Amino acid sequence: GRADPAVGNAIKVAKFVGYAGLLLVVGPALVLALLWPRRLSRR
């Protein structure tokens, strides 16, 4: 019943990707809502 070691490693990678994705959502949302200069493109 042991999991393939690749499974544990894949979970670590997926959690890292999740953390990275979270900061990439929060950062733009926060800055665009409260700090972004109007003259700059938001694209």
PDB file of all heavy atoms in Angstrom:
ATOM      1  N   GLY A   1       0.774  -1.224   0.000  1.00  0.00           N
ATOM      2  CA  GLY A   1       0.000   0.000   0.000  1.00  0.00           C
ATOM      3  C   GLY A   1       0.812   1.283   0.000  1.00  0.00           C
ATOM      4  O   GLY A   1       0.268   2.361   0.199  1.00  0.00           O
ATOM      5  N   ARG A   2       2.120   1.196  -0.215  1.00  0.00           N
ATOM      6  CA  ARG A   2       2.946   2.403  -0.204  1.00  0.00           C
ATOM      7  C   ARG A   2       2.767   3.167  -1.517  1.00  0.00           C
ATOM      8  O   ARG A   2       2.664   2.590  -2.591  1.00  0.00           O
ATOM      9  CB  ARG A   2       4.420   2.042  -0.024  1.00  0.00           C
ATOM     10  CG  ARG A   2       4.767   1.588   1.369  1.00  0.00           C
ATOM     11  CD  ARG A   2       6.123   0.921   1.396  1.00  0.00           C
ATOM     12  NE  ARG A   2       7.185   1.807   0.972  1.00  0.00           N
ATOM     13  CZ  ARG A   2       7.853   2.623   1.783  1.00  0.00           C
ATOM     14  NH1 ARG A   2       7.547   2.683   3.055  1.00  0.00           N
ATOM     15  NH2 ARG A   2       8.831   3.381   1.330  1.00  0.00           N
ATOM     16  N   ALA A   3       2.726   4.478  -1.389  1.00  0.00           N
ATOM     17  CA  ALA A   3       2.633   5.314  -2.584  1.00  0.00           C
ATOM     18  C   ALA A   3       3.986   5.374  -3.279  1.00  0.00           C
ATOM     19  O   ALA A   3       5.039   5.314  -2.634  1.00  0.00           O
ATOM     20  CB  ALA A   3       2.176   6.726  -2.211  1.00  0.00           C
ATOM     21  N   ASP A   4       3.964   5.458  -4.595  1.00  0.00           N
ATOM     22  CA  ASP A   4       5.185   5.691  -5.356  1.00  0.00           C
ATOM     23  C   ASP A   4       5.824   6.989  -4.856  1.00  0.00           C
ATOM     24  O   ASP A   4       5.128   7.989  -4.648  1.00  0.00           O
ATOM     25  CB  ASP A   4       4.813   5.829  -6.835  1.00  0.00           C
ATOM     26  CG  ASP A   4       6.011   5.863  -7.756  1.00  0.00           C
ATOM     27  OD1 ASP A   4       7.027   6.505  -7.389  1.00  0.00           O
ATOM     28  OD2 ASP A   4       5.943   5.272  -8.840  1.00  0.00           O
ATOM     29  N   PRO A   5       7.155   6.999  -4.611  1.00  0.00           N
ATOM     30  CA  PRO A   5       7.802   8.244  -4.158  1.00  0.00           C
ATOM     31  C   PRO A   5       7.511   9.436  -5.062  1.00  0.00           C
ATOM     32  O   PRO A   5       7.520  10.579  -4.604  1.00  0.00           O
ATOM     33  CB  PRO A   5       9.291   7.880  -4.175  1.00  0.00           C
ATOM     34  CG  PRO A   5       9.326   6.399  -3.970  1.00  0.00           C
ATOM     35  CD  PRO A   5       8.101   5.875  -4.674  1.00  0.00           C
ATOM     36  N   ALA A   6       7.240   9.177  -6.340  1.00  0.00           N
ATOM     37  CA  ALA A   6       6.926  10.276  -7.260  1.00  0.00           C
ATOM     38  C   ALA A   6       5.653  11.009  -6.844  1.00  0.00           C
ATOM     39  O   ALA A   6       5.495  12.203  -7.127  1.00  0.00           O
ATOM     40  CB  ALA A   6       6.779   9.733  -8.680  1.00  0.00           C
ATOM     41  N   VAL A   7       4.745  10.307  -6.154  1.00  0.00           N
ATOM     42  CA  VAL A   7       3.493  10.940  -5.737  1.00  0.00           C
ATOM     43  C   VAL A   7       3.769  12.021  -4.695  1.00  0.00           C
ATOM     44  O   VAL A   7       3.276  13.154  -4.795  1.00  0.00           O
ATOM     45  CB  VAL A   7       2.512   9.893  -5.173  1.00  0.00           C
ATOM     46  CG1 VAL A   7       1.280  10.569  -4.581  1.00  0.00           C
ATOM     47  CG2 VAL A   7       2.099   8.919  -6.261  1.00  0.00           C
ATOM     48  N   GLY A   8       4.560  11.680  -3.682  1.00  0.00           N
ATOM     49  CA  GLY A   8       4.902  12.663  -2.659  1.00  0.00           C
ATOM     50  C   GLY A   8       5.621  13.868  -3.242  1.00  0.00           C
ATOM     51  O   GLY A   8       5.346  15.014  -2.867  1.00  0.00           O
ATOM     52  N   ASN A   9       6.546  13.621  -4.170  1.00  0.00           N
ATOM     53  CA  ASN A   9       7.260  14.734  -4.808  1.00  0.00           C
ATOM     54  C   ASN A   9       6.319  15.593  -5.650  1.00  0.00           C
ATOM     55  O   ASN A   9       6.427  16.826  -5.672  1.00  0.00           O
ATOM     56  CB  ASN A   9       8.393  14.197  -5.672  1.00  0.00           C
ATOM     57  CG  ASN A   9       9.510  13.581  -4.849  1.00  0.00           C
ATOM     58  OD1 ASN A   9       9.748  13.981  -3.714  1.00  0.00           O
ATOM     59  ND2 ASN A   9      10.199  12.601  -5.418  1.00  0.00           N
ATOM     60  N   ALA A  10       5.391  14.930  -6.341  1.00  0.00           N
ATOM     61  CA  ALA A  10       4.436  15.682  -7.165  1.00  0.00           C
ATOM     62  C   ALA A  10       3.539  16.559  -6.300  1.00  0.00           C
ATOM     63  O   ALA A  10       3.191  17.684  -6.691  1.00  0.00           O
ATOM     64  CB  ALA A  10       3.593  14.710  -7.997  1.00  0.00           C
ATOM     65  N   ILE A  11       3.158  16.085  -5.123  1.00  0.00           N
ATOM     66  CA  ILE A  11       2.333  16.891  -4.218  1.00  0.00           C
ATOM     67  C   ILE A  11       3.106  18.124  -3.762  1.00  0.00           C
ATOM     68  O   ILE A  11       2.565  19.239  -3.703  1.00  0.00           O
ATOM     69  CB  ILE A  11       1.868  16.045  -3.013  1.00  0.00           C
ATOM     70  CG1 ILE A  11       0.838  15.011  -3.464  1.00  0.00           C
ATOM     71  CG2 ILE A  11       1.264  16.935  -1.929  1.00  0.00           C
ATOM     72  CD1 ILE A  11       0.372  14.084  -2.366  1.00  0.00           C
ATOM     73  N   LYS A  12       4.387  17.964  -3.436  1.00  0.00           N
ATOM     74  CA  LYS A  12       5.203  19.118  -3.035  1.00  0.00           C
ATOM     75  C   LYS A  12       5.268  20.153  -4.152  1.00  0.00           C
ATOM     76  O   LYS A  12       5.121  21.362  -3.914  1.00  0.00           O
ATOM     77  CB  LYS A  12       6.618  18.661  -2.674  1.00  0.00           C
ATOM     78  CG  LYS A  12       6.727  17.821  -1.405  1.00  0.00           C
ATOM     79  CD  LYS A  12       8.178  17.428  -1.176  1.00  0.00           C
ATOM     80  CE  LYS A  12       8.328  16.485  -0.006  1.00  0.00           C
ATOM     81  NZ  LYS A  12       9.743  16.082   0.199  1.00  0.00           N
ATOM     82  N   VAL A  13       5.489  19.682  -5.378  1.00  0.00           N
ATOM     83  CA  VAL A  13       5.570  20.605  -6.521  1.00  0.00           C
ATOM     84  C   VAL A  13       4.239  21.317  -6.719  1.00  0.00           C
ATOM     85  O   VAL A  13       4.185  22.532  -6.940  1.00  0.00           O
ATOM     86  CB  VAL A  13       5.984  19.841  -7.796  1.00  0.00           C
ATOM     87  CG1 VAL A  13       5.870  20.746  -9.020  1.00  0.00           C
ATOM     88  CG2 VAL A  13       7.413  19.315  -7.665  1.00  0.00           C
ATOM     89  N   ALA A  14       3.132  20.561  -6.630  1.00  0.00           N
ATOM     90  CA  ALA A  14       1.816  21.158  -6.822  1.00  0.00           C
ATOM     91  C   ALA A  14       1.529  22.203  -5.743  1.00  0.00           C
ATOM     92  O   ALA A  14       0.955  23.268  -6.032  1.00  0.00           O
ATOM     93  CB  ALA A  14       0.736  20.073  -6.803  1.00  0.00           C
ATOM     94  N   LYS A  15       1.921  21.939  -4.508  1.00  0.00           N
ATOM     95  CA  LYS A  15       1.690  22.919  -3.440  1.00  0.00           C
ATOM     96  C   LYS A  15       2.546  24.166  -3.650  1.00  0.00           C
ATOM     97  O   LYS A  15       2.100  25.287  -3.384  1.00  0.00           O
ATOM     98  CB  LYS A  15       1.961  22.287  -2.081  1.00  0.00           C
ATOM     99  CG  LYS A  15       0.885  21.263  -1.697  1.00  0.00           C
ATOM    100  CD  LYS A  15       1.026  20.749  -0.288  1.00  0.00           C
ATOM    101  CE  LYS A  15      -0.159  19.850   0.051  1.00  0.00           C
ATOM    102  NZ  LYS A  15      -0.124  19.344   1.434  1.00  0.00           N
ATOM    103  N   PHE A  16       3.759  23.985  -4.128  1.00  0.00           N
ATOM    104  CA  PHE A  16       4.600  25.136  -4.459  1.00  0.00           C
ATOM    105  C   PHE A  16       3.941  25.983  -5.547  1.00  0.00           C
ATOM    106  O   PHE A  16       3.893  27.216  -5.465  1.00  0.00           O
ATOM    107  CB  PHE A  16       5.980  24.659  -4.904  1.00  0.00           C
ATOM    108  CG  PHE A  16       6.899  25.764  -5.363  1.00  0.00           C
ATOM    109  CD1 PHE A  16       7.639  26.479  -4.450  1.00  0.00           C
ATOM    110  CD2 PHE A  16       7.007  26.083  -6.707  1.00  0.00           C
ATOM    111  CE1 PHE A  16       8.477  27.508  -4.853  1.00  0.00           C
ATOM    112  CE2 PHE A  16       7.843  27.103  -7.128  1.00  0.00           C
ATOM    113  CZ  PHE A  16       8.579  27.814  -6.193  1.00  0.00           C
ATOM    114  N   VAL A  17       3.424  25.311  -6.572  1.00  0.00           N
ATOM    115  CA  VAL A  17       2.738  26.027  -7.664  1.00  0.00           C
ATOM    116  C   VAL A  17       1.523  26.771  -7.111  1.00  0.00           C
ATOM    117  O   VAL A  17       1.228  27.905  -7.508  1.00  0.00           O
ATOM    118  CB  VAL A  17       2.327  25.037  -8.773  1.00  0.00           C
ATOM    119  CG1 VAL A  17       1.391  25.702  -9.779  1.00  0.00           C
ATOM    120  CG2 VAL A  17       3.562  24.498  -9.481  1.00  0.00           C
ATOM    121  N   GLY A  18       0.800  26.149  -6.177  1.00  0.00           N
ATOM    122  CA  GLY A  18      -0.354  26.798  -5.577  1.00  0.00           C
ATOM    123  C   GLY A  18       0.023  28.055  -4.808  1.00  0.00           C
ATOM    124  O   GLY A  18      -0.655  29.090  -4.916  1.00  0.00           O
ATOM    125  N   TYR A  19       1.111  27.988  -4.030  1.00  0.00           N
ATOM    126  CA  TYR A  19       1.576  29.177  -3.302  1.00  0.00           C
ATOM    127  C   TYR A  19       1.973  30.286  -4.284  1.00  0.00           C
ATOM    128  O   TYR A  19       1.644  31.455  -4.089  1.00  0.00           O
ATOM    129  CB  TYR A  19       2.776  28.831  -2.424  1.00  0.00           C
ATOM    130  CG  TYR A  19       2.460  27.967  -1.227  1.00  0.00           C
ATOM    131  CD1 TYR A  19       3.343  26.970  -0.814  1.00  0.00           C
ATOM    132  CD2 TYR A  19       1.295  28.142  -0.495  1.00  0.00           C
ATOM    133  CE1 TYR A  19       3.063  26.172   0.280  1.00  0.00           C
ATOM    134  CE2 TYR A  19       1.013  27.347   0.601  1.00  0.00           C
ATOM    135  CZ  TYR A  19       1.901  26.363   0.989  1.00  0.00           C
ATOM    136  OH  TYR A  19       1.630  25.586   2.068  1.00  0.00           O
ATOM    137  N   ALA A  20       2.701  29.895  -5.335  1.00  0.00           N
ATOM    138  CA  ALA A  20       3.132  30.878  -6.328  1.00  0.00           C
ATOM    139  C   ALA A  20       1.925  31.514  -7.012  1.00  0.00           C
ATOM    140  O   ALA A  20       1.874  32.736  -7.220  1.00  0.00           O
ATOM    141  CB  ALA A  20       4.048  30.216  -7.359  1.00  0.00           C
ATOM    142  N   GLY A  21       0.936  30.697  -7.364  1.00  0.00           N
ATOM    143  CA  GLY A  21      -0.263  31.233  -7.995  1.00  0.00           C
ATOM    144  C   GLY A  21      -1.014  32.186  -7.079  1.00  0.00           C
ATOM    145  O   GLY A  21      -1.527  33.219  -7.527  1.00  0.00           O
ATOM    146  N   LEU A  22      -1.053  31.874  -5.786  1.00  0.00           N
ATOM    147  CA  LEU A  22      -1.769  32.733  -4.841  1.00  0.00           C
ATOM    148  C   LEU A  22      -1.160  34.134  -4.791  1.00  0.00           C
ATOM    149  O   LEU A  22      -1.879  35.136  -4.833  1.00  0.00           O
ATOM    150  CB  LEU A  22      -1.742  32.093  -3.444  1.00  0.00           C
ATOM    151  CG  LEU A  22      -2.462  32.872  -2.343  1.00  0.00           C
ATOM    152  CD1 LEU A  22      -3.954  32.951  -2.629  1.00  0.00           C
ATOM    153  CD2 LEU A  22      -2.199  32.227  -0.982  1.00  0.00           C
ATOM    154  N   LEU A  23       0.155  34.206  -4.713  1.00  0.00           N
ATOM    155  CA  LEU A  23       0.769  35.541  -4.639  1.00  0.00           C
ATOM    156  C   LEU A  23       0.621  36.293  -5.964  1.00  0.00           C
ATOM    157  O   LEU A  23       0.544  37.524  -5.984  1.00  0.00           O
ATOM    158  CB  LEU A  23       2.222  35.437  -4.200  1.00  0.00           C
ATOM    159  CG  LEU A  23       3.263  34.815  -5.141  1.00  0.00           C
ATOM    160  CD1 LEU A  23       3.891  35.864  -6.029  1.00  0.00           C
ATOM    161  CD2 LEU A  23       4.364  34.130  -4.307  1.00  0.00           C
ATOM    162  N   LEU A  24       0.550  35.549  -7.079  1.00  0.00           N
ATOM    163  CA  LEU A  24       0.349  36.201  -8.374  1.00  0.00           C
ATOM    164  C   LEU A  24      -1.078  36.711  -8.557  1.00  0.00           C
ATOM    165  O   LEU A  24      -1.334  37.559  -9.408  1.00  0.00           O
ATOM    166  CB  LEU A  24       0.709  35.245  -9.512  1.00  0.00           C
ATOM    167  CG  LEU A  24       2.179  34.855  -9.629  1.00  0.00           C
ATOM    168  CD1 LEU A  24       2.393  33.908 -10.802  1.00  0.00           C
ATOM    169  CD2 LEU A  24       3.070  36.083  -9.765  1.00  0.00           C
ATOM    170  N   VAL A  25      -2.031  36.192  -7.787  1.00  0.00           N
ATOM    171  CA  VAL A  25      -3.388  36.729  -7.790  1.00  0.00           C
ATOM    172  C   VAL A  25      -3.492  37.913  -6.841  1.00  0.00           C
ATOM    173  O   VAL A  25      -4.004  38.986  -7.196  1.00  0.00           O
ATOM    174  CB  VAL A  25      -4.413  35.650  -7.380  1.00  0.00           C
ATOM    175  CG1 VAL A  25      -5.812  36.265  -7.252  1.00  0.00           C
ATOM    176  CG2 VAL A  25      -4.456  34.527  -8.395  1.00  0.00           C
ATOM    177  N   VAL A  26      -3.006  37.728  -5.615  1.00  0.00           N
ATOM    178  CA  VAL A  26      -3.179  38.732  -4.567  1.00  0.00           C
ATOM    179  C   VAL A  26      -2.423  40.020  -4.912  1.00  0.00           C
ATOM    180  O   VAL A  26      -2.955  41.125  -4.752  1.00  0.00           O
ATOM    181  CB  VAL A  26      -2.726  38.183  -3.201  1.00  0.00           C
ATOM    182  CG1 VAL A  26      -2.709  39.286  -2.147  1.00  0.00           C
ATOM    183  CG2 VAL A  26      -3.652  37.054  -2.774  1.00  0.00           C
ATOM    184  N   GLY A  27      -1.186  39.903  -5.379  1.00  0.00           N
ATOM    185  CA  GLY A  27      -0.389  41.081  -5.682  1.00  0.00           C
ATOM    186  C   GLY A  27      -1.040  42.006  -6.699  1.00  0.00           C
ATOM    187  O   GLY A  27      -1.284  43.191  -6.418  1.00  0.00           O
ATOM    188  N   PRO A  28      -1.365  41.519  -7.901  1.00  0.00           N
ATOM    189  CA  PRO A  28      -2.018  42.383  -8.883  1.00  0.00           C
ATOM    190  C   PRO A  28      -3.369  42.921  -8.406  1.00  0.00           C
ATOM    191  O   PRO A  28      -3.687  44.094  -8.627  1.00  0.00           O
ATOM    192  CB  PRO A  28      -2.186  41.468 -10.100  1.00  0.00           C
ATOM    193  CG  PRO A  28      -1.086  40.470  -9.974  1.00  0.00           C
ATOM    194  CD  PRO A  28      -0.949  40.232  -8.500  1.00  0.00           C
ATOM    195  N   ALA A  29      -4.178  42.065  -7.752  1.00  0.00           N
ATOM    196  CA  ALA A  29      -5.493  42.524  -7.303  1.00  0.00           C
ATOM    197  C   ALA A  29      -5.353  43.666  -6.304  1.00  0.00           C
ATOM    198  O   ALA A  29      -6.065  44.686  -6.394  1.00  0.00           O
ATOM    199  CB  ALA A  29      -6.267  41.361  -6.679  1.00  0.00           C
ATOM    200  N   LEU A  30      -4.450  43.541  -5.365  1.00  0.00           N
ATOM    201  CA  LEU A  30      -4.272  44.560  -4.331  1.00  0.00           C
ATOM    202  C   LEU A  30      -3.730  45.862  -4.919  1.00  0.00           C
ATOM    203  O   LEU A  30      -4.244  46.963  -4.644  1.00  0.00           O
ATOM    204  CB  LEU A  30      -3.321  44.027  -3.257  1.00  0.00           C
ATOM    205  CG  LEU A  30      -3.225  44.813  -1.958  1.00  0.00           C
ATOM    206  CD1 LEU A  30      -4.549  44.809  -1.226  1.00  0.00           C
ATOM    207  CD2 LEU A  30      -2.126  44.240  -1.072  1.00  0.00           C
ATOM    208  N   VAL A  31      -2.703  45.755  -5.741  1.00  0.00           N
ATOM    209  CA  VAL A  31      -2.078  46.957  -6.298  1.00  0.00           C
ATOM    210  C   VAL A  31      -2.993  47.642  -7.296  1.00  0.00           C
ATOM    211  O   VAL A  31      -3.120  48.876  -7.300  1.00  0.00           O
ATOM    212  CB  VAL A  31      -0.717  46.600  -6.938  1.00  0.00           C
ATOM    213  CG1 VAL A  31      -0.146  47.787  -7.694  1.00  0.00           C
ATOM    214  CG2 VAL A  31       0.267  46.143  -5.855  1.00  0.00           C
ATOM    215  N   LEU A  32      -3.658  46.873  -8.147  1.00  0.00           N
ATOM    216  CA  LEU A  32      -4.572  47.486  -9.122  1.00  0.00           C
ATOM    217  C   LEU A  32      -5.750  48.174  -8.431  1.00  0.00           C
ATOM    218  O   LEU A  32      -6.262  49.192  -8.911  1.00  0.00           O
ATOM    219  CB  LEU A  32      -5.084  46.434 -10.102  1.00  0.00           C
ATOM    220  CG  LEU A  32      -4.078  45.932 -11.146  1.00  0.00           C
ATOM    221  CD1 LEU A  32      -4.682  44.806 -11.964  1.00  0.00           C
ATOM    222  CD2 LEU A  32      -3.617  47.061 -12.057  1.00  0.00           C
ATOM    223  N   ALA A  33      -6.200  47.626  -7.316  1.00  0.00           N
ATOM    224  CA  ALA A  33      -7.348  48.215  -6.623  1.00  0.00           C
ATOM    225  C   ALA A  33      -6.985  49.485  -5.875  1.00  0.00           C
ATOM    226  O   ALA A  33      -7.803  50.412  -5.793  1.00  0.00           O
ATOM    227  CB  ALA A  33      -7.942  47.193  -5.652  1.00  0.00           C
ATOM    228  N   LEU A  34      -5.745  49.575  -5.342  1.00  0.00           N
ATOM    229  CA  LEU A  34      -5.441  50.653  -4.403  1.00  0.00           C
ATOM    230  C   LEU A  34      -4.234  51.516  -4.755  1.00  0.00           C
ATOM    231  O   LEU A  34      -4.111  52.623  -4.229  1.00  0.00           O
ATOM    232  CB  LEU A  34      -5.229  50.049  -3.000  1.00  0.00           C
ATOM    233  CG  LEU A  34      -6.406  49.251  -2.432  1.00  0.00           C
ATOM    234  CD1 LEU A  34      -6.007  48.576  -1.138  1.00  0.00           C
ATOM    235  CD2 LEU A  34      -7.619  50.144  -2.230  1.00  0.00           C
ATOM    236  N   LEU A  35      -3.330  51.050  -5.602  1.00  0.00           N
ATOM    237  CA  LEU A  35      -2.094  51.797  -5.819  1.00  0.00           C
ATOM    238  C   LEU A  35      -1.775  52.098  -7.280  1.00  0.00           C
ATOM    239  O   LEU A  35      -0.816  52.813  -7.559  1.00  0.00           O
ATOM    240  CB  LEU A  35      -0.896  51.030  -5.212  1.00  0.00           C
ATOM    241  CG  LEU A  35      -0.808  50.939  -3.687  1.00  0.00           C
ATOM    242  CD1 LEU A  35       0.414  50.133  -3.285  1.00  0.00           C
ATOM    243  CD2 LEU A  35      -0.736  52.325  -3.061  1.00  0.00           C
ATOM    244  N   TRP A  36      -2.513  51.571  -8.206  1.00  0.00           N
ATOM    245  CA  TRP A  36      -2.109  51.635  -9.613  1.00  0.00           C
ATOM    246  C   TRP A  36      -2.354  53.030 -10.209  1.00  0.00           C
ATOM    247  O   TRP A  36      -3.463  53.576 -10.117  1.00  0.00           O
ATOM    248  CB  TRP A  36      -2.873  50.599 -10.418  1.00  0.00           C
ATOM    249  CG  TRP A  36      -2.336  50.388 -11.802  1.00  0.00           C
ATOM    250  CD1 TRP A  36      -2.892  50.808 -12.974  1.00  0.00           C
ATOM    251  CD2 TRP A  36      -1.138  49.715 -12.154  1.00  0.00           C
ATOM    252  NE1 TRP A  36      -2.112  50.429 -14.038  1.00  0.00           N
ATOM    253  CE2 TRP A  36      -1.020  49.752 -13.570  1.00  0.00           C
ATOM    254  CE3 TRP A  36      -0.132  49.079 -11.424  1.00  0.00           C
ATOM    255  CZ2 TRP A  36       0.039  49.173 -14.248  1.00  0.00           C
ATOM    256  CZ3 TRP A  36       0.929  48.503 -12.102  1.00  0.00           C
ATOM    257  CH2 TRP A  36       1.012  48.568 -13.491  1.00  0.00           C
ATOM    258  N   PRO A  37      -1.330  53.632 -10.848  1.00  0.00           N
ATOM    259  CA  PRO A  37      -1.528  54.943 -11.515  1.00  0.00           C
ATOM    260  C   PRO A  37      -2.486  54.813 -12.694  1.00  0.00           C
ATOM    261  O   PRO A  37      -2.411  53.853 -13.472  1.00  0.00           O
ATOM    262  CB  PRO A  37      -0.115  55.304 -11.999  1.00  0.00           C
ATOM    263  CG  PRO A  37       0.812  54.473 -11.165  1.00  0.00           C
ATOM    264  CD  PRO A  37       0.079  53.208 -10.878  1.00  0.00           C
ATOM    265  N   ARG A  38      -3.373  55.783 -12.850  1.00  0.00           N
ATOM    266  CA  ARG A  38      -4.400  55.695 -13.882  1.00  0.00           C
ATOM    267  C   ARG A  38      -3.832  55.711 -15.292  1.00  0.00           C
ATOM    268  O   ARG A  38      -4.403  55.137 -16.215  1.00  0.00           O
ATOM    269  CB  ARG A  38      -5.391  56.848 -13.723  1.00  0.00           C
ATOM    270  CG  ARG A  38      -6.273  56.734 -12.495  1.00  0.00           C
ATOM    271  CD  ARG A  38      -7.304  57.840 -12.462  1.00  0.00           C
ATOM    272  NE  ARG A  38      -8.190  57.711 -11.315  1.00  0.00           N
ATOM    273  CZ  ARG A  38      -9.196  58.538 -11.059  1.00  0.00           C
ATOM    274  NH1 ARG A  38      -9.413  59.574 -11.874  1.00  0.00           N
ATOM    275  NH2 ARG A  38      -9.951  58.363 -10.002  1.00  0.00           N
ATOM    276  N   ARG A  39      -2.710  56.390 -15.473  1.00  0.00           N
ATOM    277  CA  ARG A  39      -2.190  56.539 -16.837  1.00  0.00           C
ATOM    278  C   ARG A  39      -1.570  55.252 -17.379  1.00  0.00           C
ATOM    279  O   ARG A  39      -1.387  55.098 -18.577  1.00  0.00           O
ATOM    280  CB  ARG A  39      -1.150  57.666 -16.882  1.00  0.00           C
ATOM    281  CG  ARG A  39       0.151  57.340 -16.208  1.00  0.00           C
ATOM    282  CD  ARG A  39       1.202  58.415 -16.361  1.00  0.00           C
ATOM    283  NE  ARG A  39       2.492  57.982 -15.825  1.00  0.00           N
ATOM    284  CZ  ARG A  39       3.372  57.271 -16.502  1.00  0.00           C
ATOM    285  NH1 ARG A  39       3.115  56.925 -17.753  1.00  0.00           N
ATOM    286  NH2 ARG A  39       4.515  56.908 -15.946  1.00  0.00           N
ATOM    287  N   LEU A  40      -1.232  54.302 -16.493  1.00  0.00           N
ATOM    288  CA  LEU A  40      -0.560  53.074 -16.928  1.00  0.00           C
ATOM    289  C   LEU A  40      -1.569  52.019 -17.354  1.00  0.00           C
ATOM    290  O   LEU A  40      -2.649  51.889 -16.765  1.00  0.00           O
ATOM    291  CB  LEU A  40       0.316  52.528 -15.802  1.00  0.00           C
ATOM    292  CG  LEU A  40       1.487  53.396 -15.345  1.00  0.00           C
ATOM    293  CD1 LEU A  40       2.271  52.697 -14.241  1.00  0.00           C
ATOM    294  CD2 LEU A  40       2.408  53.733 -16.513  1.00  0.00           C
ATOM    295  N   SER A  41      -1.187  51.238 -18.360  1.00  0.00           N
ATOM    296  CA  SER A  41      -2.037  50.138 -18.823  1.00  0.00           C
ATOM    297  C   SER A  41      -2.136  49.051 -17.748  1.00  0.00           C
ATOM    298  O   SER A  41      -1.159  48.738 -17.070  1.00  0.00           O
ATOM    299  CB  SER A  41      -1.450  49.539 -20.107  1.00  0.00           C
ATOM    300  OG  SER A  41      -2.109  48.335 -20.440  1.00  0.00           O
ATOM    301  N   ARG A  42      -3.329  48.486 -17.633  1.00  0.00           N
ATOM    302  CA  ARG A  42      -3.560  47.428 -16.641  1.00  0.00           C
ATOM    303  C   ARG A  42      -3.445  46.039 -17.258  1.00  0.00           C
ATOM    304  O   ARG A  42      -3.660  45.038 -16.567  1.00  0.00           O
ATOM    305  CB  ARG A  42      -4.957  47.605 -16.028  1.00  0.00           C
ATOM    306  CG  ARG A  42      -5.206  48.976 -15.438  1.00  0.00           C
ATOM    307  CD  ARG A  42      -6.684  49.201 -15.137  1.00  0.00           C
ATOM    308  NE  ARG A  42      -7.116  48.492 -13.942  1.00  0.00           N
ATOM    309  CZ  ARG A  42      -7.120  49.026 -12.725  1.00  0.00           C
ATOM    310  NH1 ARG A  42      -6.688  50.267 -12.543  1.00  0.00           N
ATOM    311  NH2 ARG A  42      -7.549  48.342 -11.697  1.00  0.00           N
ATOM    312  N   ARG A  43      -3.116  45.966 -18.546  1.00  0.00           N
ATOM    313  CA  ARG A  43      -3.148  44.679 -19.245  1.00  0.00           C
ATOM    314  C   ARG A  43      -2.144  43.674 -18.673  1.00  0.00           C
ATOM    315  O   ARG A  43      -2.485  42.518 -18.422  1.00  0.00           O
ATOM    316  CB  ARG A  43      -2.866  44.902 -20.729  1.00  0.00           C
ATOM    317  CG  ARG A  43      -2.925  43.610 -21.553  1.00  0.00           C
ATOM    318  CD  ARG A  43      -2.740  43.902 -23.025  1.00  0.00           C
ATOM    319  NE  ARG A  43      -3.810  44.794 -23.521  1.00  0.00           N
ATOM    320  CZ  ARG A  43      -3.821  45.296 -24.741  1.00  0.00           C
ATOM    321  NH1 ARG A  43      -2.840  45.026 -25.585  1.00  0.00           N
ATOM    322  NH2 ARG A  43      -4.814  46.080 -25.116  1.00  0.00           N
TER     323      ARG A  43
END
